[in-house]
């Protein structure tokens, strides 16, 4: 493992999710770790960005602003990745 780029993380999943990850990883011929790294990369980065912009004691205006930002980011994410599934844009 390249410890300069990667960090070992341990967490517990629902058994069904674990089995589904196994199936997907096998079908894609990648390790579960590689699958989870790839799947989580962008969503976690977006969530970290949102969390960083939210003040410790958010006001209703802060929440409204963040909701709008989240919606825009999610629409952009879906549009960017819809081609990967062969879906029309």
C-alpha atoms as a PDB file:
ATOM      1  CA  UNK A   1       0.000   0.000   0.000  1.00  0.00           C
ATOM      2  CA  UNK A   2       1.292   3.460  -0.921  1.00  0.00           C
ATOM      3  CA  UNK A   3       1.085   5.170   2.484  1.00  0.00           C
ATOM      4  CA  UNK A   4       2.015   8.517   0.951  1.00  0.00           C
ATOM      5  CA  UNK A   5      -1.274   8.560  -0.948  1.00  0.00           C
ATOM      6  CA  UNK A   6      -3.470   6.079   0.900  1.00  0.00           C
ATOM      7  CA  UNK A   7      -4.602   5.612   4.503  1.00  0.00           C
ATOM      8  CA  UNK A   8      -6.108   2.471   5.953  1.00  0.00           C
ATOM      9  CA  UNK A   9      -9.636   3.073   7.259  1.00  0.00           C
ATOM     10  CA  UNK A  10     -11.827   0.626   9.123  1.00  0.00           C
ATOM     11  CA  UNK A  11     -15.602   0.925   9.318  1.00  0.00           C
ATOM     12  CA  UNK A  12     -18.646  -1.301   9.615  1.00  0.00           C
ATOM     13  CA  UNK A  13     -21.291  -1.661   6.895  1.00  0.00           C
ATOM     14  CA  UNK A  14     -24.665  -3.333   6.790  1.00  0.00           C
ATOM     15  CA  UNK A  15     -24.155  -6.915   5.640  1.00  0.00           C
ATOM     16  CA  UNK A  16     -26.296  -6.321   2.538  1.00  0.00           C
ATOM     17  CA  UNK A  17     -24.114  -3.356   1.529  1.00  0.00           C
ATOM     18  CA  UNK A  18     -20.982  -5.458   2.088  1.00  0.00           C
ATOM     19  CA  UNK A  19     -22.348  -8.216  -0.155  1.00  0.00           C
ATOM     20  CA  UNK A  20     -23.372  -5.707  -2.810  1.00  0.00           C
ATOM     21  CA  UNK A  21     -19.878  -4.175  -2.784  1.00  0.00           C
ATOM     22  CA  UNK A  22     -18.405  -7.651  -3.209  1.00  0.00           C
ATOM     23  CA  UNK A  23     -20.637  -8.324  -6.208  1.00  0.00           C
ATOM     24  CA  UNK A  24     -19.895  -4.998  -7.881  1.00  0.00           C
ATOM     25  CA  UNK A  25     -16.140  -5.267  -7.270  1.00  0.00           C
ATOM     26  CA  UNK A  26     -16.048  -8.784  -8.713  1.00  0.00           C
ATOM     27  CA  UNK A  27     -18.045  -7.741 -11.792  1.00  0.00           C
ATOM     28  CA  UNK A  28     -15.803  -4.724 -12.313  1.00  0.00           C
ATOM     29  CA  UNK A  29     -12.678  -6.813 -11.605  1.00  0.00           C
ATOM     30  CA  UNK A  30     -11.368  -4.361  -9.001  1.00  0.00           C
ATOM     31  CA  UNK A  31     -10.757  -4.653  -5.281  1.00  0.00           C
ATOM     32  CA  UNK A  32     -13.402  -3.464  -2.846  1.00  0.00           C
ATOM     33  CA  UNK A  33     -10.923  -0.836  -1.687  1.00  0.00           C
ATOM     34  CA  UNK A  34     -10.452   0.518  -5.197  1.00  0.00           C
ATOM     35  CA  UNK A  35     -14.206   0.534  -5.764  1.00  0.00           C
ATOM     36  CA  UNK A  36     -14.927   2.398  -2.531  1.00  0.00           C
ATOM     37  CA  UNK A  37     -12.075   4.887  -3.157  1.00  0.00           C
ATOM     38  CA  UNK A  38     -13.432   5.682  -6.616  1.00  0.00           C
ATOM     39  CA  UNK A  39     -17.079   5.862  -5.563  1.00  0.00           C
ATOM     40  CA  UNK A  40     -16.476   8.067  -2.515  1.00  0.00           C
ATOM     41  CA  UNK A  41     -13.871  10.441  -3.945  1.00  0.00           C
ATOM     42  CA  UNK A  42     -16.114  13.145  -5.414  1.00  0.00           C
ATOM     43  CA  UNK A  43     -19.121  12.941  -3.059  1.00  0.00           C
ATOM     44  CA  UNK A  44     -16.911  13.178   0.038  1.00  0.00           C
ATOM     45  CA  UNK A  45     -15.002  16.129  -1.475  1.00  0.00           C
ATOM     46  CA  UNK A  46     -18.314  17.902  -2.148  1.00  0.00           C
ATOM     47  CA  UNK A  47     -19.590  17.203   1.365  1.00  0.00           C
ATOM     48  CA  UNK A  48     -16.316  18.460   2.897  1.00  0.00           C
ATOM     49  CA  UNK A  49     -16.585  21.656   0.838  1.00  0.00           C
ATOM     50  CA  UNK A  50     -20.165  22.173   2.031  1.00  0.00           C
ATOM     51  CA  UNK A  51     -19.240  21.522   5.662  1.00  0.00           C
ATOM     52  CA  UNK A  52     -16.304  23.933   5.446  1.00  0.00           C
ATOM     53  CA  UNK A  53     -18.521  26.764   4.190  1.00  0.00           C
ATOM     54  CA  UNK A  54     -21.168  26.359   6.885  1.00  0.00           C
ATOM     55  CA  UNK A  55     -20.608  28.466  10.018  1.00  0.00           C
ATOM     56  CA  UNK A  56     -20.636  26.783  13.445  1.00  0.00           C
ATOM     57  CA  UNK A  57     -24.018  28.353  14.231  1.00  0.00           C
ATOM     58  CA  UNK A  58     -25.777  28.543  10.864  1.00  0.00           C
ATOM     59  CA  UNK A  59     -28.659  30.927  10.346  1.00  0.00           C
ATOM     60  CA  UNK A  60     -31.677  30.120   8.172  1.00  0.00           C
ATOM     61  CA  UNK A  61     -30.049  32.261   5.474  1.00  0.00           C
ATOM     62  CA  UNK A  62     -26.860  30.153   5.712  1.00  0.00           C
ATOM     63  CA  UNK A  63     -28.897  26.964   5.387  1.00  0.00           C
ATOM     64  CA  UNK A  64     -30.781  28.350   2.382  1.00  0.00           C
ATOM     65  CA  UNK A  65     -27.538  29.405   0.686  1.00  0.00           C
ATOM     66  CA  UNK A  66     -25.978  26.005   1.332  1.00  0.00           C
ATOM     67  CA  UNK A  67     -29.057  24.183   0.042  1.00  0.00           C
ATOM     68  CA  UNK A  68     -28.827  26.114  -3.231  1.00  0.00           C
ATOM     69  CA  UNK A  69     -25.107  25.393  -3.520  1.00  0.00           C
ATOM     70  CA  UNK A  70     -25.683  21.689  -2.827  1.00  0.00           C
ATOM     71  CA  UNK A  71     -28.420  21.471  -5.450  1.00  0.00           C
ATOM     72  CA  UNK A  72     -26.196  23.092  -8.063  1.00  0.00           C
ATOM     73  CA  UNK A  73     -23.261  20.837  -7.235  1.00  0.00           C
ATOM     74  CA  UNK A  74     -25.419  17.706  -7.346  1.00  0.00           C
ATOM     75  CA  UNK A  75     -27.005  18.624 -10.693  1.00  0.00           C
ATOM     76  CA  UNK A  76     -23.526  19.232 -12.108  1.00  0.00           C
ATOM     77  CA  UNK A  77     -22.298  15.910 -10.659  1.00  0.00           C
ATOM     78  CA  UNK A  78     -25.207  14.002 -12.221  1.00  0.00           C
ATOM     79  CA  UNK A  79     -24.768  15.688 -15.601  1.00  0.00           C
ATOM     80  CA  UNK A  80     -21.029  14.988 -15.563  1.00  0.00           C
ATOM     81  CA  UNK A  81     -21.481  11.296 -14.749  1.00  0.00           C
ATOM     82  CA  UNK A  82     -24.651  10.444 -16.680  1.00  0.00           C
ATOM     83  CA  UNK A  83     -22.576   9.656 -19.769  1.00  0.00           C
ATOM     84  CA  UNK A  84     -20.787   6.900 -17.855  1.00  0.00           C
ATOM     85  CA  UNK A  85     -24.042   4.974 -17.700  1.00  0.00           C
ATOM     86  CA  UNK A  86     -24.864   5.495 -21.340  1.00  0.00           C
ATOM     87  CA  UNK A  87     -27.782   7.771 -20.422  1.00  0.00           C
ATOM     88  CA  UNK A  88     -28.754  10.598 -22.749  1.00  0.00           C
ATOM     89  CA  UNK A  89     -27.765  14.082 -21.545  1.00  0.00           C
END
